[in-house]
Amino acid sequence: MSSPLFDLTGRVALVTGGSKGLGKAMARGFAEAGADVVISSRHDDELRAAAAEITAGLKTRCVTIVADMTDRKDVARLAAEAQKAFGHVDILVNNAGSNNPQQIDQITDDSWDRIVELNLTSCMALSRALAPGMKERKWGRIIHISSIMGLASKEGRNSYSATKSALIGLARASALDLGEQNITVNCIAPGPFLTDLPGKMLSDEEKQVFARRTALGRWGNPRELAGPALLLASEAGSYITGQVLVVDGGCLIKTF
């Protein structure tokens, strides 16, 4: 590394939803900085392919663990297996999440409960499981992937916005809980990044609308989230905690 501030040699990062999109991009960024990486998702074939990309040309290692983040027992197993793989986890990125757009009067109990479990509860459960080890080592980084939809919203994004807003509150409270043990807790709020989720959910017209909403006039590339994540995961961000880092190409600053 050109700067020791961003050097993650000897660190271990767990990235949920790490088989594609933003998760894979962040995991690759950590690996390039010297970290060993654990990635999880529900699909083994996607994880294996992603692990090969994450470690390509590098000496760092990547372990894959299949886990369903809507299953509380699976989340606990993920935490245990991730710690067993390398002996400890220093950096947790709670990236797994989804969206199920529904108008407020169309939300079903099942769809609400699934989004809350996936987008919010799993983040609490993994943080709860891994925090003791971080406290013991007096070093840790917890990063929740929120969204600009947690700071603003759009029609039909009730459950998504609610959970992404809640992650911000969780980060602020946890930052106070863990700060004296040299553990930082932050959120990243991505804006329009062209990953599989919006790619499948939005029409071409809607994609163009989102692009025009940004100051840069385009969607973000997942690789462009690796730098902000590395900042919060490394010594470079050691005095940043309880904060929301907005990475949106200037979307929220545009009022009209």
C-alpha atoms as a PDB file:
ATOM      1  CA  MET A   1       0.000   0.000   0.000  1.00  0.00           C
ATOM      2  CA  SER A   2       1.177   3.522  -0.765  1.00  0.00           C
ATOM      3  CA  SER A   3      -0.080   4.741   2.617  1.00  0.00           C
ATOM      4  CA  PRO A   4      -0.180   2.829   5.906  1.00  0.00           C
ATOM      5  CA  LEU A   5      -3.404   4.694   6.709  1.00  0.00           C
ATOM      6  CA  PHE A   6      -5.286   2.416   4.316  1.00  0.00           C
ATOM      7  CA  ASP A   7      -3.282  -0.770   4.918  1.00  0.00           C
ATOM      8  CA  LEU A   8      -5.448  -3.681   6.093  1.00  0.00           C
ATOM      9  CA  THR A   9      -2.704  -6.301   6.235  1.00  0.00           C
ATOM     10  CA  GLY A  10      -3.526  -8.768   9.006  1.00  0.00           C
ATOM     11  CA  ARG A  11      -7.157  -7.695   9.183  1.00  0.00           C
ATOM     12  CA  VAL A  12     -10.149  -9.892   8.387  1.00  0.00           C
ATOM     13  CA  ALA A  13     -13.301  -8.460   6.807  1.00  0.00           C
ATOM     14  CA  LEU A  14     -16.734 -10.092   6.610  1.00  0.00           C
ATOM     15  CA  VAL A  15     -18.956  -8.723   3.854  1.00  0.00           C
ATOM     16  CA  THR A  16     -22.525  -9.980   3.644  1.00  0.00           C
ATOM     17  CA  GLY A  17     -24.089 -10.009   0.219  1.00  0.00           C
ATOM     18  CA  GLY A  18     -20.527 -10.248  -1.048  1.00  0.00           C
ATOM     19  CA  SER A  19     -21.105 -12.316  -4.173  1.00  0.00           C
ATOM     20  CA  LYS A  20     -22.076  -9.447  -6.450  1.00  0.00           C
ATOM     21  CA  GLY A  21     -22.526  -5.707  -6.859  1.00  0.00           C
ATOM     22  CA  LEU A  22     -21.491  -3.393  -4.056  1.00  0.00           C
ATOM     23  CA  GLY A  23     -20.537  -6.226  -1.708  1.00  0.00           C
ATOM     24  CA  LYS A  24     -18.131  -7.809  -4.174  1.00  0.00           C
ATOM     25  CA  ALA A  25     -16.619  -4.422  -5.025  1.00  0.00           C
ATOM     26  CA  MET A  26     -16.002  -3.591  -1.363  1.00  0.00           C
ATOM     27  CA  ALA A  27     -14.572  -7.043  -0.663  1.00  0.00           C
ATOM     28  CA  ARG A  28     -12.148  -6.626  -3.581  1.00  0.00           C
ATOM     29  CA  GLY A  29     -11.133  -3.218  -2.238  1.00  0.00           C
ATOM     30  CA  PHE A  30     -10.384  -4.695   1.181  1.00  0.00           C
ATOM     31  CA  ALA A  31      -8.408  -7.552  -0.392  1.00  0.00           C
ATOM     32  CA  GLU A  32      -6.358  -5.092  -2.433  1.00  0.00           C
ATOM     33  CA  ALA A  33      -5.564  -3.293   0.838  1.00  0.00           C
ATOM     34  CA  GLY A  34      -4.229  -6.544   2.306  1.00  0.00           C
ATOM     35  CA  ALA A  35      -7.198  -7.948   4.216  1.00  0.00           C
ATOM     36  CA  ASP A  36      -8.354 -11.542   4.200  1.00  0.00           C
ATOM     37  CA  VAL A  37     -12.040 -11.620   3.345  1.00  0.00           C
ATOM     38  CA  VAL A  38     -15.125 -13.668   4.168  1.00  0.00           C
ATOM     39  CA  ILE A  39     -18.102 -13.215   1.866  1.00  0.00           C
ATOM     40  CA  SER A  40     -21.600 -14.602   2.288  1.00  0.00           C
ATOM     41  CA  SER A  41     -24.753 -14.947   0.233  1.00  0.00           C
ATOM     42  CA  ARG A  42     -27.407 -17.580  -0.385  1.00  0.00           C
ATOM     43  CA  HIS A  43     -25.805 -19.066  -3.518  1.00  0.00           C
ATOM     44  CA  ASP A  44     -22.637 -21.134  -3.413  1.00  0.00           C
ATOM     45  CA  ASP A  45     -21.897 -20.926  -7.141  1.00  0.00           C
ATOM     46  CA  GLU A  46     -22.046 -17.123  -7.108  1.00  0.00           C
ATOM     47  CA  LEU A  47     -19.842 -16.987  -4.023  1.00  0.00           C
ATOM     48  CA  ARG A  48     -17.163 -19.191  -5.578  1.00  0.00           C
ATOM     49  CA  ALA A  49     -17.079 -17.103  -8.740  1.00  0.00           C
ATOM     50  CA  ALA A  50     -16.903 -13.885  -6.713  1.00  0.00           C
ATOM     51  CA  ALA A  51     -14.096 -15.219  -4.509  1.00  0.00           C
ATOM     52  CA  ALA A  52     -11.988 -15.905  -7.582  1.00  0.00           C
ATOM     53  CA  GLU A  53     -12.508 -12.320  -8.772  1.00  0.00           C
ATOM     54  CA  ILE A  54     -11.851 -10.829  -5.335  1.00  0.00           C
ATOM     55  CA  THR A  55      -8.485 -12.565  -4.938  1.00  0.00           C
ATOM     56  CA  ALA A  56      -7.346 -12.466  -8.575  1.00  0.00           C
ATOM     57  CA  GLY A  57      -3.696 -11.401  -8.690  1.00  0.00           C
ATOM     58  CA  LEU A  58      -3.515 -11.004  -4.913  1.00  0.00           C
ATOM     59  CA  LYS A  59      -1.994 -13.018  -2.071  1.00  0.00           C
ATOM     60  CA  THR A  60      -4.942 -12.474   0.255  1.00  0.00           C
ATOM     61  CA  ARG A  61      -7.483 -15.197   0.958  1.00  0.00           C
ATOM     62  CA  CYS A  62     -11.251 -15.290   0.552  1.00  0.00           C
ATOM     63  CA  VAL A  63     -13.542 -17.718   2.358  1.00  0.00           C
ATOM     64  CA  THR A  64     -17.146 -18.203   1.211  1.00  0.00           C
ATOM     65  CA  ILE A  65     -20.052 -19.069   3.500  1.00  0.00           C
ATOM     66  CA  VAL A  66     -23.586 -19.767   2.307  1.00  0.00           C
ATOM     67  CA  ALA A  67     -26.085 -18.094   4.641  1.00  0.00           C
ATOM     68  CA  ASP A  68     -29.652 -16.811   4.540  1.00  0.00           C
ATOM     69  CA  MET A  69     -29.750 -13.500   6.384  1.00  0.00           C
ATOM     70  CA  THR A  70     -33.490 -13.814   6.999  1.00  0.00           C
ATOM     71  CA  ASP A  71     -32.805 -16.872   9.170  1.00  0.00           C
ATOM     72  CA  ARG A  72     -31.593 -15.867  12.647  1.00  0.00           C
ATOM     73  CA  LYS A  73     -29.890 -19.236  13.216  1.00  0.00           C
ATOM     74  CA  ASP A  74     -28.084 -18.925   9.905  1.00  0.00           C
ATOM     75  CA  VAL A  75     -26.836 -15.472  10.895  1.00  0.00           C
ATOM     76  CA  ALA A  76     -25.425 -16.876  14.136  1.00  0.00           C
ATOM     77  CA  ARG A  77     -23.773 -19.715  12.213  1.00  0.00           C
ATOM     78  CA  LEU A  78     -22.255 -17.218   9.768  1.00  0.00           C
ATOM     79  CA  ALA A  79     -20.698 -15.251  12.613  1.00  0.00           C
ATOM     80  CA  ALA A  80     -19.259 -18.413  14.181  1.00  0.00           C
ATOM     81  CA  GLU A  81     -17.876 -19.807  10.923  1.00  0.00           C
ATOM     82  CA  ALA A  82     -16.390 -16.472   9.866  1.00  0.00           C
ATOM     83  CA  GLN A  83     -14.514 -16.179  13.157  1.00  0.00           C
ATOM     84  CA  LYS A  84     -13.390 -19.790  12.928  1.00  0.00           C
ATOM     85  CA  ALA A  85     -12.080 -19.338   9.375  1.00  0.00           C
ATOM     86  CA  PHE A  86      -9.377 -16.825  10.328  1.00  0.00           C
ATOM     87  CA  GLY A  87      -9.559 -16.762  14.119  1.00  0.00           C
ATOM     88  CA  HIS A  88     -11.207 -13.339  14.289  1.00  0.00           C
ATOM     89  CA  VAL A  89     -13.197 -10.740  12.353  1.00  0.00           C
ATOM     90  CA  ASP A  90     -12.022  -7.125  12.486  1.00  0.00           C
ATOM     91  CA  ILE A  91     -14.290  -5.500   9.915  1.00  0.00           C
ATOM     92  CA  LEU A  92     -17.989  -6.202   9.442  1.00  0.00           C
ATOM     93  CA  VAL A  93     -19.855  -4.813   6.447  1.00  0.00           C
ATOM     94  CA  ASN A  94     -23.592  -5.416   6.705  1.00  0.00           C
ATOM     95  CA  ASN A  95     -24.364  -5.145   3.019  1.00  0.00           C
ATOM     96  CA  ALA A  96     -26.992  -7.834   2.367  1.00  0.00           C
ATOM     97  CA  GLY A  97     -30.384  -6.336   1.706  1.00  0.00           C
ATOM     98  CA  SER A  98     -33.320  -6.148  -0.631  1.00  0.00           C
ATOM     99  CA  ASN A  99     -36.301  -4.059  -1.611  1.00  0.00           C
ATOM    100  CA  ASN A 100     -39.930  -4.986  -2.209  1.00  0.00           C
ATOM    101  CA  PRO A 101     -41.739  -1.843  -3.396  1.00  0.00           C
ATOM    102  CA  GLN A 102     -45.300  -1.650  -2.119  1.00  0.00           C
ATOM    103  CA  GLN A 103     -47.696   1.169  -1.406  1.00  0.00           C
ATOM    104  CA  ILE A 104     -48.406   1.570   2.309  1.00  0.00           C
ATOM    105  CA  ASP A 105     -51.880   0.053   2.000  1.00  0.00           C
ATOM    106  CA  GLN A 106     -50.543  -2.934   0.027  1.00  0.00           C
ATOM    107  CA  ILE A 107     -47.838  -4.114   2.429  1.00  0.00           C
ATOM    108  CA  THR A 108     -48.349  -7.653   3.678  1.00  0.00           C
ATOM    109  CA  ASP A 109     -47.120  -8.850   7.045  1.00  0.00           C
ATOM    110  CA  ASP A 110     -44.893 -11.446   5.382  1.00  0.00           C
ATOM    111  CA  SER A 111     -43.199  -8.984   3.030  1.00  0.00           C
ATOM    112  CA  TRP A 112     -42.692  -6.437   5.827  1.00  0.00           C
ATOM    113  CA  ASP A 113     -41.253  -9.018   8.210  1.00  0.00           C
ATOM    114  CA  ARG A 114     -38.861 -10.370   5.567  1.00  0.00           C
ATOM    115  CA  ILE A 115     -37.454  -6.951   4.668  1.00  0.00           C
ATOM    116  CA  VAL A 116     -37.058  -5.968   8.333  1.00  0.00           C
ATOM    117  CA  GLU A 117     -35.319  -9.262   9.126  1.00  0.00           C
ATOM    118  CA  LEU A 118     -32.974  -8.993   6.139  1.00  0.00           C
ATOM    119  CA  ASN A 119     -32.206  -5.272   6.050  1.00  0.00           C
ATOM    120  CA  LEU A 120     -32.168  -4.505   9.767  1.00  0.00           C
ATOM    121  CA  THR A 121     -32.347  -7.415  12.183  1.00  0.00           C
ATOM    122  CA  SER A 122     -29.532  -9.387  10.553  1.00  0.00           C
ATOM    123  CA  CYS A 123     -27.282  -6.331  10.906  1.00  0.00           C
ATOM    124  CA  MET A 124     -28.010  -6.118  14.612  1.00  0.00           C
ATOM    125  CA  ALA A 125     -27.519  -9.865  15.065  1.00  0.00           C
ATOM    126  CA  LEU A 126     -24.157  -9.986  13.276  1.00  0.00           C
ATOM    127  CA  SER A 127     -22.909  -6.889  15.076  1.00  0.00           C
ATOM    128  CA  ARG A 128     -23.999  -8.391  18.394  1.00  0.00           C
ATOM    129  CA  ALA A 129     -22.183 -11.634  17.628  1.00  0.00           C
ATOM    130  CA  LEU A 130     -18.913 -10.084  16.449  1.00  0.00           C
ATOM    131  CA  ALA A 131     -18.623  -7.109  18.824  1.00  0.00           C
ATOM    132  CA  PRO A 132     -17.280  -9.154  21.781  1.00  0.00           C
ATOM    133  CA  GLY A 133     -14.246 -10.272  19.776  1.00  0.00           C
ATOM    134  CA  MET A 134     -13.610  -6.721  18.590  1.00  0.00           C
ATOM    135  CA  LYS A 135     -13.864  -5.464  22.165  1.00  0.00           C
ATOM    136  CA  GLU A 136     -11.389  -8.100  23.315  1.00  0.00           C
ATOM    137  CA  ARG A 137      -8.867  -7.004  20.674  1.00  0.00           C
ATOM    138  CA  LYS A 138      -9.626  -3.286  21.199  1.00  0.00           C
ATOM    139  CA  TRP A 139     -10.110  -2.721  17.480  1.00  0.00           C
ATOM    140  CA  GLY A 140     -13.039  -3.026  15.144  1.00  0.00           C
ATOM    141  CA  ARG A 141     -14.995  -1.513  12.299  1.00  0.00           C
ATOM    142  CA  ILE A 142     -18.703  -2.008  11.717  1.00  0.00           C
ATOM    143  CA  ILE A 143     -20.190  -0.547   8.546  1.00  0.00           C
ATOM    144  CA  HIS A 144     -23.900  -0.729   7.764  1.00  0.00           C
ATOM    145  CA  ILE A 145     -24.869  -0.164   4.143  1.00  0.00           C
ATOM    146  CA  SER A 146     -27.843   2.163   4.429  1.00  0.00           C
ATOM    147  CA  SER A 147     -29.100   4.159   1.442  1.00  0.00           C
ATOM    148  CA  ILE A 148     -30.077   7.656   0.415  1.00  0.00           C
ATOM    149  CA  MET A 149     -33.549   6.122   0.658  1.00  0.00           C
ATOM    150  CA  GLY A 150     -32.947   6.194   4.403  1.00  0.00           C
ATOM    151  CA  LEU A 151     -32.561   9.978   4.194  1.00  0.00           C
ATOM    152  CA  ALA A 152     -35.167  10.672   1.523  1.00  0.00           C
ATOM    153  CA  SER A 153     -37.567   8.321  -0.238  1.00  0.00           C
ATOM    154  CA  LYS A 154     -39.719   7.463  -3.212  1.00  0.00           C
ATOM    155  CA  GLU A 155     -43.249   6.176  -3.661  1.00  0.00           C
ATOM    156  CA  GLY A 156     -43.670   2.587  -2.563  1.00  0.00           C
ATOM    157  CA  ARG A 157     -40.385   2.383  -0.666  1.00  0.00           C
ATOM    158  CA  ASN A 158     -41.997   2.147   2.772  1.00  0.00           C
ATOM    159  CA  SER A 159     -40.261  -0.927   4.180  1.00  0.00           C
ATOM    160  CA  TYR A 160     -36.964  -0.182   2.443  1.00  0.00           C
ATOM    161  CA  SER A 161     -36.736   3.413   3.657  1.00  0.00           C
ATOM    162  CA  ALA A 162     -37.863   2.433   7.146  1.00  0.00           C
ATOM    163  CA  THR A 163     -35.122  -0.180   7.514  1.00  0.00           C
ATOM    164  CA  LYS A 164     -32.406   1.962   5.950  1.00  0.00           C
ATOM    165  CA  SER A 165     -33.297   4.844   8.276  1.00  0.00           C
ATOM    166  CA  ALA A 166     -33.245   2.470  11.227  1.00  0.00           C
ATOM    167  CA  LEU A 167     -29.692   1.383  10.370  1.00  0.00           C
ATOM    168  CA  ILE A 168     -28.588   4.973  10.883  1.00  0.00           C
ATOM    169  CA  GLY A 169     -30.061   5.009  14.365  1.00  0.00           C
ATOM    170  CA  LEU A 170     -28.513   1.629  15.118  1.00  0.00           C
ATOM    171  CA  ALA A 171     -25.091   2.876  14.032  1.00  0.00           C
ATOM    172  CA  ARG A 172     -25.308   5.969  16.201  1.00  0.00           C
ATOM    173  CA  ALA A 173     -26.286   4.009  19.306  1.00  0.00           C
ATOM    174  CA  SER A 174     -23.708   1.264  18.718  1.00  0.00           C
ATOM    175  CA  ALA A 175     -20.981   3.851  18.148  1.00  0.00           C
ATOM    176  CA  LEU A 176     -21.632   5.101  21.677  1.00  0.00           C
ATOM    177  CA  ASP A 177     -21.680   1.565  23.066  1.00  0.00           C
ATOM    178  CA  LEU A 178     -18.377   0.552  21.487  1.00  0.00           C
ATOM    179  CA  GLY A 179     -16.332   3.711  21.096  1.00  0.00           C
ATOM    180  CA  GLU A 180     -14.255   3.300  24.238  1.00  0.00           C
ATOM    181  CA  GLN A 181     -13.091  -0.101  22.936  1.00  0.00           C
ATOM    182  CA  ASN A 182     -11.680   1.552  19.782  1.00  0.00           C
ATOM    183  CA  ILE A 183     -14.513   0.243  17.607  1.00  0.00           C
ATOM    184  CA  THR A 184     -16.139   2.573  15.099  1.00  0.00           C
ATOM    185  CA  VAL A 185     -19.641   2.115  13.725  1.00  0.00           C
ATOM    186  CA  ASN A 186     -20.808   3.997  10.653  1.00  0.00           C
ATOM    187  CA  CYS A 187     -23.226   3.889   7.755  1.00  0.00           C
ATOM    188  CA  ILE A 188     -22.630   4.366   4.073  1.00  0.00           C
ATOM    189  CA  ALA A 189     -25.640   5.706   2.185  1.00  0.00           C
ATOM    190  CA  PRO A 190     -25.171   4.850  -1.487  1.00  0.00           C
ATOM    191  CA  GLY A 191     -27.161   6.623  -4.140  1.00  0.00           C
ATOM    192  CA  PRO A 192     -27.813   5.309  -7.650  1.00  0.00           C
ATOM    193  CA  PHE A 193     -25.395   2.431  -8.215  1.00  0.00           C
ATOM    194  CA  LEU A 194     -26.242   0.232 -11.168  1.00  0.00           C
ATOM    195  CA  THR A 195     -26.246  -3.188  -9.513  1.00  0.00           C
ATOM    196  CA  ASP A 196     -28.535  -6.171 -10.114  1.00  0.00           C
ATOM    197  CA  LEU A 197     -31.269  -4.918  -7.776  1.00  0.00           C
ATOM    198  CA  PRO A 198     -32.093  -1.594  -9.479  1.00  0.00           C
ATOM    199  CA  GLY A 199     -31.164  -3.115 -12.821  1.00  0.00           C
ATOM    200  CA  LYS A 200     -34.034  -5.595 -12.512  1.00  0.00           C
ATOM    201  CA  MET A 201     -36.471  -3.358 -10.637  1.00  0.00           C
ATOM    202  CA  LEU A 202     -36.361  -0.144 -12.661  1.00  0.00           C
ATOM    203  CA  SER A 203     -37.454   0.543 -16.204  1.00  0.00           C
ATOM    204  CA  ASP A 204     -35.071   2.226 -18.649  1.00  0.00           C
ATOM    205  CA  GLU A 205     -37.007   5.455 -18.201  1.00  0.00           C
ATOM    206  CA  GLU A 206     -36.699   5.259 -14.410  1.00  0.00           C
ATOM    207  CA  LYS A 207     -32.959   4.614 -14.723  1.00  0.00           C
ATOM    208  CA  GLN A 208     -32.607   7.757 -16.823  1.00  0.00           C
ATOM    209  CA  VAL A 209     -34.557   9.749 -14.239  1.00  0.00           C
ATOM    210  CA  PHE A 210     -32.205   8.598 -11.467  1.00  0.00           C
ATOM    211  CA  ALA A 211     -29.159   9.463 -13.575  1.00  0.00           C
ATOM    212  CA  ARG A 212     -30.478  12.970 -14.205  1.00  0.00           C
ATOM    213  CA  ARG A 213     -31.067  13.420 -10.482  1.00  0.00           C
ATOM    214  CA  THR A 214     -27.328  13.288  -9.757  1.00  0.00           C
ATOM    215  CA  ALA A 215     -24.880  16.169 -10.076  1.00  0.00           C
ATOM    216  CA  LEU A 216     -22.626  13.904 -12.153  1.00  0.00           C
ATOM    217  CA  GLY A 217     -25.453  12.912 -14.482  1.00  0.00           C
ATOM    218  CA  ARG A 218     -24.837   9.176 -14.236  1.00  0.00           C
ATOM    219  CA  TRP A 219     -25.184   6.054 -12.162  1.00  0.00           C
ATOM    220  CA  GLY A 220     -22.306   4.982  -9.971  1.00  0.00           C
ATOM    221  CA  ASN A 221     -20.087   1.997 -10.698  1.00  0.00           C
ATOM    222  CA  PRO A 222     -19.887  -0.442  -7.759  1.00  0.00           C
ATOM    223  CA  ARG A 223     -16.103  -0.001  -7.766  1.00  0.00           C
ATOM    224  CA  GLU A 224     -16.691   3.616  -6.720  1.00  0.00           C
ATOM    225  CA  LEU A 225     -17.935   2.455  -3.314  1.00  0.00           C
ATOM    226  CA  ALA A 226     -14.722   0.569  -2.512  1.00  0.00           C
ATOM    227  CA  GLY A 227     -12.814   3.743  -1.585  1.00  0.00           C
ATOM    228  CA  PRO A 228     -15.393   5.102   0.871  1.00  0.00           C
ATOM    229  CA  ALA A 229     -15.673   1.650   2.472  1.00  0.00           C
ATOM    230  CA  LEU A 230     -11.894   1.399   2.773  1.00  0.00           C
ATOM    231  CA  LEU A 231     -11.791   4.811   4.455  1.00  0.00           C
ATOM    232  CA  LEU A 232     -14.206   3.681   7.167  1.00  0.00           C
ATOM    233  CA  ALA A 233     -12.575   0.247   7.515  1.00  0.00           C
ATOM    234  CA  SER A 234      -9.008   1.461   7.967  1.00  0.00           C
ATOM    235  CA  GLU A 235      -6.902   3.677  10.209  1.00  0.00           C
ATOM    236  CA  ALA A 236      -7.642   6.511   7.799  1.00  0.00           C
ATOM    237  CA  GLY A 237     -11.135   6.676   9.292  1.00  0.00           C
ATOM    238  CA  SER A 238     -10.229   5.957  12.909  1.00  0.00           C
ATOM    239  CA  TYR A 239     -11.853   9.171  14.218  1.00  0.00           C
ATOM    240  CA  ILE A 240     -15.076   8.796  12.240  1.00  0.00           C
ATOM    241  CA  THR A 241     -17.898   7.094  14.107  1.00  0.00           C
ATOM    242  CA  GLY A 242     -21.659   7.294  14.361  1.00  0.00           C
ATOM    243  CA  GLN A 243     -21.806   8.987  10.973  1.00  0.00           C
ATOM    244  CA  VAL A 244     -23.499   8.568   7.606  1.00  0.00           C
ATOM    245  CA  LEU A 245     -21.214   8.840   4.589  1.00  0.00           C
ATOM    246  CA  VAL A 246     -23.378   9.722   1.585  1.00  0.00           C
ATOM    247  CA  VAL A 247     -21.969   8.386  -1.688  1.00  0.00           C
ATOM    248  CA  ASP A 248     -24.556   9.404  -4.259  1.00  0.00           C
ATOM    249  CA  GLY A 249     -22.926  11.371  -7.061  1.00  0.00           C
ATOM    250  CA  GLY A 250     -24.595  14.498  -5.746  1.00  0.00           C
ATOM    251  CA  CYS A 251     -28.150  13.164  -5.838  1.00  0.00           C
ATOM    252  CA  LEU A 252     -29.496  14.526  -2.557  1.00  0.00           C
ATOM    253  CA  ILE A 253     -28.123  18.035  -3.127  1.00  0.00           C
ATOM    254  CA  LYS A 254     -30.326  18.514  -6.195  1.00  0.00           C
ATOM    255  CA  THR A 255     -33.662  20.007  -5.124  1.00  0.00           C
ATOM    256  CA  PHE A 256     -35.148  20.976  -8.484  1.00  0.00           C
END
